[in-house]
N, C-alpha and C. Protein backbone atom coordinates (compact mmCIF):
# COMPACT_ATOMS: atom_id res chain seq x y z
N MET A 1 -17.69 -21.19 -24.18
CA MET A 1 -16.08 -20.30 -23.48
C MET A 1 -16.76 -19.04 -24.35
N ALA A 2 -17.36 -19.04 -25.65
CA ALA A 2 -17.26 -16.97 -25.39
C ALA A 2 -18.08 -16.64 -25.07
N ASN A 3 -19.96 -17.32 -24.34
CA ASN A 3 -20.71 -16.80 -23.48
C ASN A 3 -19.99 -16.58 -22.61
N GLU A 4 -19.18 -17.36 -21.51
CA GLU A 4 -18.50 -17.16 -19.94
C GLU A 4 -17.47 -15.81 -20.50
N MET A 5 -17.26 -15.36 -21.66
CA MET A 5 -16.38 -14.15 -21.01
C MET A 5 -16.87 -13.09 -21.24
N SER A 6 -18.26 -13.29 -22.22
CA SER A 6 -18.99 -12.06 -22.69
C SER A 6 -19.71 -11.95 -21.32
N GLU A 7 -20.40 -12.74 -20.63
CA GLU A 7 -21.01 -12.81 -19.25
C GLU A 7 -19.99 -11.78 -18.11
N LYS A 8 -18.91 -12.53 -17.82
CA LYS A 8 -18.15 -11.89 -17.39
C LYS A 8 -17.80 -9.86 -16.74
N LYS A 9 -18.02 -10.12 -15.54
CA LYS A 9 -17.86 -8.68 -15.63
C LYS A 9 -15.84 -8.12 -16.28
N ARG A 10 -15.61 -7.58 -17.33
CA ARG A 10 -14.75 -7.11 -17.31
C ARG A 10 -13.68 -5.80 -17.39
N HIS A 11 -12.78 -6.09 -16.81
CA HIS A 11 -12.54 -4.41 -16.21
C HIS A 11 -11.44 -4.09 -17.43
N HIS A 12 -11.56 -2.92 -17.17
CA HIS A 12 -11.16 -1.93 -19.34
C HIS A 12 -9.81 -2.37 -19.64
N THR A 13 -8.81 -2.70 -18.35
CA THR A 13 -7.98 -2.27 -19.05
C THR A 13 -7.39 -3.98 -19.00
N GLU A 14 -7.93 -4.47 -19.49
CA GLU A 14 -7.58 -6.65 -19.76
C GLU A 14 -7.58 -6.55 -21.60
N ARG A 15 -6.97 -7.13 -21.96
CA ARG A 15 -6.84 -7.51 -23.08
C ARG A 15 -6.89 -8.61 -23.55
N PHE A 16 -6.97 -9.41 -24.63
CA PHE A 16 -7.11 -10.57 -25.19
C PHE A 16 -6.50 -10.77 -26.16
N ARG A 17 -5.44 -12.25 -25.77
CA ARG A 17 -4.45 -12.35 -26.70
C ARG A 17 -5.27 -13.75 -27.30
N GLY A 18 -5.69 -13.41 -28.35
CA GLY A 18 -6.67 -15.29 -28.93
C GLY A 18 -7.52 -15.79 -27.80
N ARG A 19 -6.86 -17.00 -27.29
CA ARG A 19 -8.48 -17.63 -26.21
C ARG A 19 -7.98 -17.23 -24.86
N LEU A 20 -6.85 -16.46 -24.03
CA LEU A 20 -6.32 -15.80 -22.92
C LEU A 20 -6.42 -14.56 -23.26
N VAL A 21 -7.10 -14.11 -21.74
CA VAL A 21 -7.46 -12.71 -21.49
C VAL A 21 -5.66 -12.01 -20.55
N GLU A 22 -5.39 -11.81 -20.68
CA GLU A 22 -4.55 -10.66 -20.05
C GLU A 22 -4.62 -9.73 -19.25
N ARG A 23 -4.45 -9.97 -17.49
CA ARG A 23 -5.42 -9.50 -17.43
C ARG A 23 -4.53 -7.86 -16.31
N TRP A 24 -3.45 -8.33 -16.16
CA TRP A 24 -1.67 -7.74 -15.96
C TRP A 24 -1.70 -7.06 -16.77
N THR A 25 -1.76 -6.20 -17.39
CA THR A 25 -1.59 -5.21 -18.45
C THR A 25 -0.95 -4.23 -18.22
N ASN A 26 -0.05 -4.04 -18.93
CA ASN A 26 0.81 -2.11 -19.57
C ASN A 26 0.08 -1.31 -18.63
N ALA A 27 -1.34 -1.27 -19.70
CA ALA A 27 -2.44 -0.46 -19.46
C ALA A 27 -3.12 -0.05 -17.80
N LYS A 28 -2.99 -1.22 -17.31
CA LYS A 28 -3.38 -1.86 -15.62
C LYS A 28 -2.37 -0.92 -14.81
N SER A 29 -0.61 -1.37 -15.64
CA SER A 29 0.40 -0.89 -14.56
C SER A 29 0.09 0.84 -15.04
N GLY A 30 -0.48 1.53 -15.96
CA GLY A 30 -0.25 2.62 -15.84
C GLY A 30 -1.23 3.07 -15.46
N TYR A 31 -2.25 2.60 -14.92
CA TYR A 31 -3.49 3.00 -14.43
C TYR A 31 -2.89 3.07 -12.78
N VAL A 32 -2.73 2.18 -12.17
CA VAL A 32 -2.58 1.96 -10.95
C VAL A 32 -1.70 2.83 -10.22
N GLY A 33 -0.39 3.39 -12.21
CA GLY A 33 0.74 4.67 -11.80
C GLY A 33 0.15 5.45 -11.56
N PHE A 34 -1.27 6.10 -12.13
CA PHE A 34 -1.82 7.11 -12.27
C PHE A 34 -2.16 7.45 -11.26
N LEU A 35 -3.40 6.85 -10.56
CA LEU A 35 -4.14 7.10 -9.70
C LEU A 35 -3.09 6.85 -8.19
N THR A 36 -1.94 6.75 -8.01
CA THR A 36 -0.59 6.86 -7.28
C THR A 36 -0.55 7.99 -7.41
N GLY A 37 0.23 8.64 -8.59
CA GLY A 37 0.34 10.21 -8.74
C GLY A 37 -0.94 11.16 -7.95
N GLN A 38 -2.33 9.97 -8.74
CA GLN A 38 -3.26 11.91 -8.13
C GLN A 38 -3.47 11.45 -6.32
N GLY A 39 -2.45 10.57 -5.75
CA GLY A 39 -2.69 11.02 -4.45
C GLY A 39 -3.08 9.07 -3.41
N TYR A 40 -4.06 8.25 -4.10
CA TYR A 40 -4.14 8.18 -3.11
C TYR A 40 -3.69 6.56 -2.74
N SER A 41 -4.64 6.59 -2.26
CA SER A 41 -3.89 5.03 -0.85
C SER A 41 -3.99 4.13 -1.84
N SER A 42 -3.09 3.23 -0.65
CA SER A 42 -3.14 1.37 -1.77
C SER A 42 -4.79 0.92 -1.59
N VAL A 43 -4.62 1.15 -0.33
CA VAL A 43 -6.36 1.17 -0.17
C VAL A 43 -7.53 1.77 -1.18
N GLU A 44 -6.99 2.69 -1.29
CA GLU A 44 -8.23 3.76 -2.72
C GLU A 44 -8.45 3.17 -3.65
N ILE A 45 -6.54 2.70 -4.17
CA ILE A 45 -6.77 1.87 -5.40
C ILE A 45 -6.73 0.43 -5.70
N GLU A 46 -7.39 0.02 -4.58
CA GLU A 46 -7.92 -1.33 -4.41
C GLU A 46 -9.71 -0.90 -4.59
N LYS A 47 -10.45 -0.34 -4.26
CA LYS A 47 -11.57 0.22 -4.11
C LYS A 47 -11.67 0.64 -5.64
N ILE A 48 -11.01 1.70 -5.92
CA ILE A 48 -11.45 2.16 -7.52
C ILE A 48 -11.59 0.92 -8.31
N MET A 49 -9.94 -0.09 -8.55
CA MET A 49 -9.79 -0.55 -9.35
C MET A 49 -11.22 -1.86 -9.31
N ALA A 50 -11.35 -2.59 -8.66
CA ALA A 50 -12.27 -3.04 -8.19
C ALA A 50 -12.77 -4.44 -9.65
N ASP A 51 -11.24 -4.61 -9.37
CA ASP A 51 -11.11 -5.61 -10.62
C ASP A 51 -10.50 -6.71 -9.94
N GLY A 52 -10.82 -7.30 -7.95
CA GLY A 52 -9.41 -8.58 -7.44
C GLY A 52 -8.02 -8.00 -7.94
N THR A 53 -7.59 -6.65 -7.56
CA THR A 53 -6.59 -6.20 -7.50
C THR A 53 -6.57 -6.05 -5.87
N SER A 54 -5.40 -6.22 -4.85
CA SER A 54 -5.59 -5.86 -4.18
C SER A 54 -4.33 -4.78 -3.51
N ALA A 55 -4.73 -4.23 -2.64
CA ALA A 55 -3.49 -3.45 -1.45
C ALA A 55 -2.27 -3.55 -1.80
N PRO A 56 -2.53 -4.71 -0.53
CA PRO A 56 -1.06 -5.64 -0.73
C PRO A 56 -0.11 -5.69 -2.56
N THR A 57 -1.00 -5.47 -3.54
CA THR A 57 -0.42 -6.16 -4.61
C THR A 57 -0.02 -4.13 -5.18
N VAL A 58 -0.88 -3.70 -5.00
CA VAL A 58 -0.45 -2.56 -5.04
C VAL A 58 0.86 -1.86 -4.27
N ARG A 59 0.93 -2.00 -3.02
CA ARG A 59 2.17 -1.46 -2.63
C ARG A 59 3.75 -2.69 -2.95
N GLY A 60 2.74 -3.64 -3.82
CA GLY A 60 4.21 -4.57 -4.12
C GLY A 60 4.93 -3.83 -5.35
N LEU A 61 3.99 -3.33 -6.03
CA LEU A 61 4.44 -2.60 -7.70
C LEU A 61 5.01 -1.17 -6.50
N TRP A 62 4.67 -1.04 -5.92
CA TRP A 62 5.27 0.46 -5.05
C TRP A 62 6.84 0.01 -5.20
N ARG A 63 6.95 -0.98 -4.22
CA ARG A 63 8.48 -1.38 -3.54
C ARG A 63 8.91 -1.82 -5.57
N ARG A 64 8.74 -2.91 -5.86
CA ARG A 64 9.25 -3.00 -7.36
C ARG A 64 9.64 -1.49 -7.70
N TRP A 65 9.09 -0.48 -7.90
CA TRP A 65 9.07 0.07 -8.90
C TRP A 65 9.81 1.38 -8.35
N GLY A 66 10.21 0.71 -7.66
CA GLY A 66 11.08 1.93 -6.08
C GLY A 66 10.41 3.27 -5.77
N LEU A 67 8.94 2.74 -5.40
CA LEU A 67 8.70 4.36 -5.25
C LEU A 67 8.89 4.30 -3.55
N PRO A 68 9.13 5.17 -2.68
CA PRO A 68 8.96 5.62 -1.38
C PRO A 68 7.53 5.13 -1.65
N LEU A 69 7.72 3.96 -0.08
CA LEU A 69 6.65 3.70 0.42
C LEU A 69 5.99 4.42 1.78
N SER A 70 5.74 6.03 1.99
CA SER A 70 5.47 6.54 2.90
C SER A 70 4.54 6.41 3.19
N GLU A 71 2.95 5.53 2.86
CA GLU A 71 1.92 5.90 3.22
C GLU A 71 2.33 3.81 4.48
N LEU A 72 3.68 3.52 4.40
CA LEU A 72 3.80 2.39 5.50
C LEU A 72 4.98 2.78 6.73
N ARG A 73 4.91 4.32 6.37
CA ARG A 73 5.79 5.01 7.77
C ARG A 73 4.79 6.20 8.46
N GLY A 74 4.00 6.47 7.84
CA GLY A 74 2.60 7.11 8.39
C GLY A 74 3.07 8.49 8.24
N ASP A 75 3.80 9.29 7.39
CA ASP A 75 3.82 10.12 7.01
C ASP A 75 3.43 11.00 5.57
N ARG A 76 2.26 9.71 4.87
CA ARG A 76 2.17 10.17 4.08
C ARG A 76 1.69 11.20 3.84
N ARG A 77 1.69 12.02 2.76
CA ARG A 77 1.13 13.36 1.99
C ARG A 77 0.00 13.10 0.48
N ASN A 78 -0.67 14.32 0.24
CA ASN A 78 -1.20 13.74 -0.46
C ASN A 78 -1.54 15.30 -1.11
N PRO A 79 -1.49 14.60 -3.06
CA PRO A 79 -0.86 16.05 -4.05
C PRO A 79 -2.51 16.95 -3.92
N VAL A 80 -2.46 18.04 -4.14
CA VAL A 80 -3.80 18.68 -4.29
C VAL A 80 -3.46 19.23 -5.76
N THR A 81 -4.72 18.53 -6.19
CA THR A 81 -4.05 19.61 -7.62
C THR A 81 -5.28 21.03 -7.97
N ILE A 82 -4.57 22.06 -8.61
CA ILE A 82 -5.01 22.87 -8.66
C ILE A 82 -5.21 23.99 -10.42
N GLN A 83 -6.71 24.57 -10.89
CA GLN A 83 -5.85 24.92 -12.14
C GLN A 83 -5.77 26.47 -11.68
N LEU A 84 -4.49 26.56 -12.78
CA LEU A 84 -4.30 28.34 -12.69
C LEU A 84 -4.12 28.34 -14.68
N THR A 85 -4.84 29.76 -14.44
CA THR A 85 -4.13 30.48 -15.74
C THR A 85 -2.87 30.25 -16.12
N TYR A 86 -2.65 30.43 -16.91
CA TYR A 86 -1.07 30.61 -17.37
C TYR A 86 -0.65 31.21 -16.80
N SER A 87 -1.14 32.45 -17.14
CA SER A 87 -0.63 34.24 -16.34
C SER A 87 -0.25 33.54 -15.20
N GLN A 88 -1.05 33.08 -14.09
CA GLN A 88 -1.32 32.76 -12.93
C GLN A 88 0.64 32.05 -12.47
N ARG A 89 0.37 30.92 -12.84
CA ARG A 89 0.95 29.95 -13.39
C ARG A 89 2.96 30.16 -13.58
N ALA A 90 3.00 31.22 -14.18
CA ALA A 90 4.07 31.83 -14.66
C ALA A 90 4.48 32.70 -13.62
N LYS A 91 3.50 32.95 -13.16
CA LYS A 91 3.84 34.20 -11.87
C LYS A 91 4.30 33.20 -10.51
N LEU A 92 3.35 32.65 -10.52
CA LEU A 92 3.93 31.44 -9.03
C LEU A 92 5.13 30.97 -9.56
N VAL A 93 5.70 30.88 -10.43
CA VAL A 93 7.34 29.64 -11.19
C VAL A 93 8.12 31.11 -10.54
N ARG A 94 7.92 32.24 -11.06
CA ARG A 94 8.59 33.97 -10.58
C ARG A 94 9.38 33.27 -9.20
N LEU A 95 7.82 33.78 -8.22
CA LEU A 95 7.95 34.03 -7.10
C LEU A 95 8.42 32.87 -6.30
N ALA A 96 8.80 31.77 -6.58
CA ALA A 96 8.53 30.45 -6.29
C ALA A 96 10.44 30.54 -6.58
N GLU A 97 10.41 30.85 -7.95
CA GLU A 97 12.25 31.12 -7.88
C GLU A 97 13.30 32.42 -6.69
N LYS A 98 11.96 33.50 -7.14
CA LYS A 98 13.15 34.10 -6.29
C LYS A 98 13.33 34.02 -5.03
N ARG A 99 12.19 32.56 -4.37
CA ARG A 99 13.08 32.38 -2.51
C ARG A 99 13.47 31.23 -3.26
N GLY A 100 13.71 30.72 -4.32
CA GLY A 100 14.75 29.42 -4.09
C GLY A 100 14.01 27.98 -4.04
N LEU A 101 12.60 28.60 -4.27
CA LEU A 101 11.53 27.46 -3.95
C LEU A 101 10.74 26.89 -5.06
N THR A 102 10.38 25.65 -4.66
CA THR A 102 9.59 25.09 -6.39
C THR A 102 8.24 25.53 -5.83
N ARG A 103 7.79 24.91 -7.42
CA ARG A 103 6.30 25.95 -7.28
C ARG A 103 5.29 25.12 -6.50
N GLN A 104 5.59 23.66 -5.95
CA GLN A 104 4.58 23.34 -5.21
C GLN A 104 5.16 23.46 -4.18
N GLU A 105 6.23 23.63 -3.49
CA GLU A 105 6.86 23.93 -2.08
C GLU A 105 6.39 25.15 -1.68
N TYR A 106 6.58 26.09 -2.70
CA TYR A 106 5.90 27.86 -2.55
C TYR A 106 4.21 27.35 -2.44
N LEU A 107 3.50 26.70 -2.87
CA LEU A 107 2.47 26.47 -2.72
C LEU A 107 1.78 26.02 -1.79
N ARG A 108 2.64 24.98 -1.21
CA ARG A 108 2.55 24.11 -0.39
C ARG A 108 2.65 24.55 1.25
N ARG A 109 3.62 25.53 1.15
CA ARG A 109 3.58 26.46 2.75
C ARG A 109 2.45 27.59 2.58
N ILE A 110 2.50 28.56 1.64
CA ILE A 110 1.25 29.05 1.88
C ILE A 110 -0.22 28.38 2.30
N ALA A 111 -0.48 27.10 1.77
CA ALA A 111 -1.46 26.46 2.32
C ALA A 111 -1.67 25.78 3.97
N VAL A 112 -0.10 25.76 4.06
CA VAL A 112 0.43 24.75 4.81
C VAL A 112 -0.37 25.87 6.52
N CYS A 113 0.19 26.97 6.29
CA CYS A 113 0.01 28.23 7.46
C CYS A 113 -1.41 28.46 7.08
N ALA A 114 -2.62 28.66 6.12
CA ALA A 114 -3.21 28.99 5.75
C ALA A 114 -3.94 28.37 6.42
N ILE A 115 -3.91 26.95 6.62
CA ILE A 115 -5.33 26.18 6.82
C ILE A 115 -4.94 26.11 8.29
N ALA A 116 -3.95 25.89 8.65
CA ALA A 116 -2.99 25.67 10.38
C ALA A 116 -3.78 26.71 11.11
N ASP A 117 -4.04 27.83 10.43
CA ASP A 117 -5.04 29.72 11.45
C ASP A 117 -6.41 30.15 10.65
N ASP A 118 -6.61 29.02 9.86
CA ASP A 118 -7.60 29.33 8.50
C ASP A 118 -7.81 30.80 8.89
N MET A 119 -6.83 30.79 7.61
CA MET A 119 -6.95 32.03 7.27
C MET A 119 -7.29 33.03 5.99
N TYR A 120 -8.43 31.84 5.34
CA TYR A 120 -9.49 32.37 4.68
C TYR A 120 -9.12 33.41 3.96
N GLU A 121 -10.02 34.37 4.61
CA GLU A 121 -10.66 36.19 4.70
C GLU A 121 -9.85 36.76 4.40
N ALA A 122 -8.76 35.91 4.72
CA ALA A 122 -7.14 37.32 4.75
C ALA A 122 -6.34 37.05 3.82
N VAL A 123 -6.42 35.31 3.25
CA VAL A 123 -5.68 35.44 2.21
C VAL A 123 -6.80 35.85 1.31
N THR A 124 -7.37 35.46 1.14
CA THR A 124 -8.88 35.95 -0.28
C THR A 124 -9.84 37.24 -0.20
N ASP A 125 -8.84 37.88 0.87
CA ASP A 125 -9.97 39.03 1.03
C ASP A 125 -11.34 39.83 0.44
N GLY A 126 -12.21 38.23 0.07
CA GLY A 126 -13.03 38.79 -0.31
C GLY A 126 -13.57 38.50 -1.39
N GLU A 127 -12.58 38.01 -2.41
CA GLU A 127 -12.43 38.01 -3.66
C GLU A 127 -13.34 37.02 -4.73
N PHE A 128 -13.24 35.97 -3.34
CA PHE A 128 -14.47 35.14 -4.43
C PHE A 128 -15.30 34.97 -3.22
N ASP A 129 -16.19 35.72 -2.92
CA ASP A 129 -17.34 35.96 -2.17
C ASP A 129 -18.22 37.04 -2.58
N GLU A 130 -19.83 36.15 -3.33
CA GLU A 130 -21.44 36.93 -3.33
C GLU A 130 -21.42 38.22 -2.68
């Protein structure tokens, strides 16, 4: 029995309870939640987990957790993480509040408009170009 367990590929979230292996742990649920928060689809999460977790199982978790299932309705949006310095973030908060927006909505609106018209050069004004 010990050899079988050591030879079988184990997922990093598995926990051992005596002779039993707990395969769906809080750690695994947390990992699915983290990946969901990072904007991964259920199919992408299935591939990342690579432990037999299926996309329908992930969607079932979302449903039981009460998360919106926008993935199924076709209006799915993916979050994009960006890094800002503390002072840049503070300024972002002030600018967004001045317009009555959240910082995410403020940046989303800027990005949507800049992407739609390919305004990279106009927005960055050569600041990041060598």
